[in-house]
Amino acid sequence: MEKEVNVYVLPKSPDTNRIKRYLAGKGLDFKVHDIHSDVKAHKQMLEATRGACGAPVIEIGNRIVCGLDKQRLDETIKMELH
């Protein structure tokens, strides 16, 4: 079973489109969750990060990457999806 990739964003954040383009460029399927309008998604993000970081947050399997940290994101993709 393939691990889910969830992206928790604030729609007006400049990083939102950058993250979506970056993940799409990696050929990944991912779900985007708008934490501004979706209370459930906001709660899920807070639980996943234990409140340690704010949007944007990328969740791959059980691993979290806060913001567009390309090096950490690439390492997480390699460990979790390959």
Protein backbone atom coordinates (compact mmCIF):
# COMPACT_ATOMS: atom_id res chain seq x y z
CA MET A 1 0.00 0.00 0.00
CA GLU A 2 1.38 3.37 -1.00
CA LYS A 3 1.73 5.96 1.72
CA GLU A 4 -0.40 9.08 1.49
CA VAL A 5 1.10 12.49 0.89
CA ASN A 6 -0.89 15.28 2.52
CA VAL A 7 -0.12 18.95 2.15
CA TYR A 8 -1.65 21.34 4.68
CA VAL A 9 -1.69 24.90 3.39
CA LEU A 10 -3.01 28.39 3.77
CA PRO A 11 -4.24 29.27 0.26
CA LYS A 12 -2.76 32.78 0.19
CA SER A 13 0.71 31.66 1.32
CA PRO A 14 3.34 32.11 -1.41
CA ASP A 15 4.79 28.72 -0.47
CA THR A 16 1.55 26.92 -1.33
CA ASN A 17 2.04 26.99 -5.10
CA ARG A 18 5.78 26.36 -4.80
CA ILE A 19 5.18 23.22 -2.76
CA LYS A 20 2.49 21.96 -5.13
CA ARG A 21 4.78 22.52 -8.14
CA TYR A 22 7.72 20.85 -6.37
CA LEU A 23 5.74 17.74 -5.43
CA ALA A 24 4.13 17.52 -8.88
CA GLY A 25 7.60 17.81 -10.42
CA LYS A 26 8.60 14.77 -8.37
CA GLY A 27 5.68 12.87 -9.91
CA LEU A 28 3.88 12.49 -6.58
CA ASP A 29 0.16 12.23 -6.03
CA PHE A 30 -0.86 14.33 -3.06
CA LYS A 31 -3.89 15.78 -1.34
CA VAL A 32 -4.03 19.48 -0.56
CA HIS A 33 -5.87 20.52 2.60
CA ASP A 34 -6.82 24.17 3.13
CA ILE A 35 -6.49 24.66 6.88
CA HIS A 36 -8.10 28.08 6.66
CA SER A 37 -11.48 26.78 5.56
CA ASP A 38 -11.32 23.17 6.77
CA VAL A 39 -11.36 22.90 10.57
CA LYS A 40 -10.87 19.12 10.45
CA ALA A 41 -7.75 19.48 8.29
CA HIS A 42 -6.39 22.15 10.63
CA LYS A 43 -6.88 19.83 13.60
CA GLN A 44 -5.18 16.95 11.72
CA MET A 45 -2.19 19.18 10.94
CA LEU A 46 -1.88 20.29 14.56
CA GLU A 47 -2.05 16.67 15.76
CA ALA A 48 0.51 15.51 13.18
CA THR A 49 2.97 18.28 14.08
CA ARG A 50 2.08 18.38 17.78
CA GLY A 51 1.72 22.12 17.23
CA ALA A 52 5.43 22.46 16.42
CA CYS A 53 5.01 24.20 13.08
CA GLY A 54 2.45 26.03 11.02
CA ALA A 55 1.39 25.70 7.42
CA PRO A 56 2.63 24.73 4.99
CA VAL A 57 3.19 21.21 6.27
CA ILE A 58 3.88 18.14 4.16
CA GLU A 59 2.99 14.77 5.69
CA ILE A 60 4.38 11.67 4.02
CA GLY A 61 3.40 8.51 5.82
CA ASN A 62 4.20 9.28 9.45
CA ARG A 63 6.88 11.85 8.69
CA ILE A 64 6.43 15.61 8.70
CA VAL A 65 8.26 18.34 6.79
CA CYS A 66 7.57 21.91 7.84
CA GLY A 67 7.70 24.42 5.02
CA LEU A 68 9.49 24.02 1.71
CA ASP A 69 12.69 22.46 3.04
CA LYS A 70 13.72 20.77 -0.21
CA GLN A 71 16.59 18.79 1.28
CA ARG A 72 14.48 17.36 4.10
CA LEU A 73 11.58 16.80 1.71
CA ASP A 74 13.79 14.87 -0.73
CA GLU A 75 15.20 12.75 2.12
CA THR A 76 11.68 12.02 3.40
CA ILE A 77 10.41 11.10 -0.07
CA LYS A 78 13.36 8.75 -0.55
CA MET A 79 12.87 7.07 2.85
CA GLU A 80 9.09 6.81 2.75
CA LEU A 81 8.17 6.31 -0.89
CA HIS A 82 11.06 4.46 -2.55
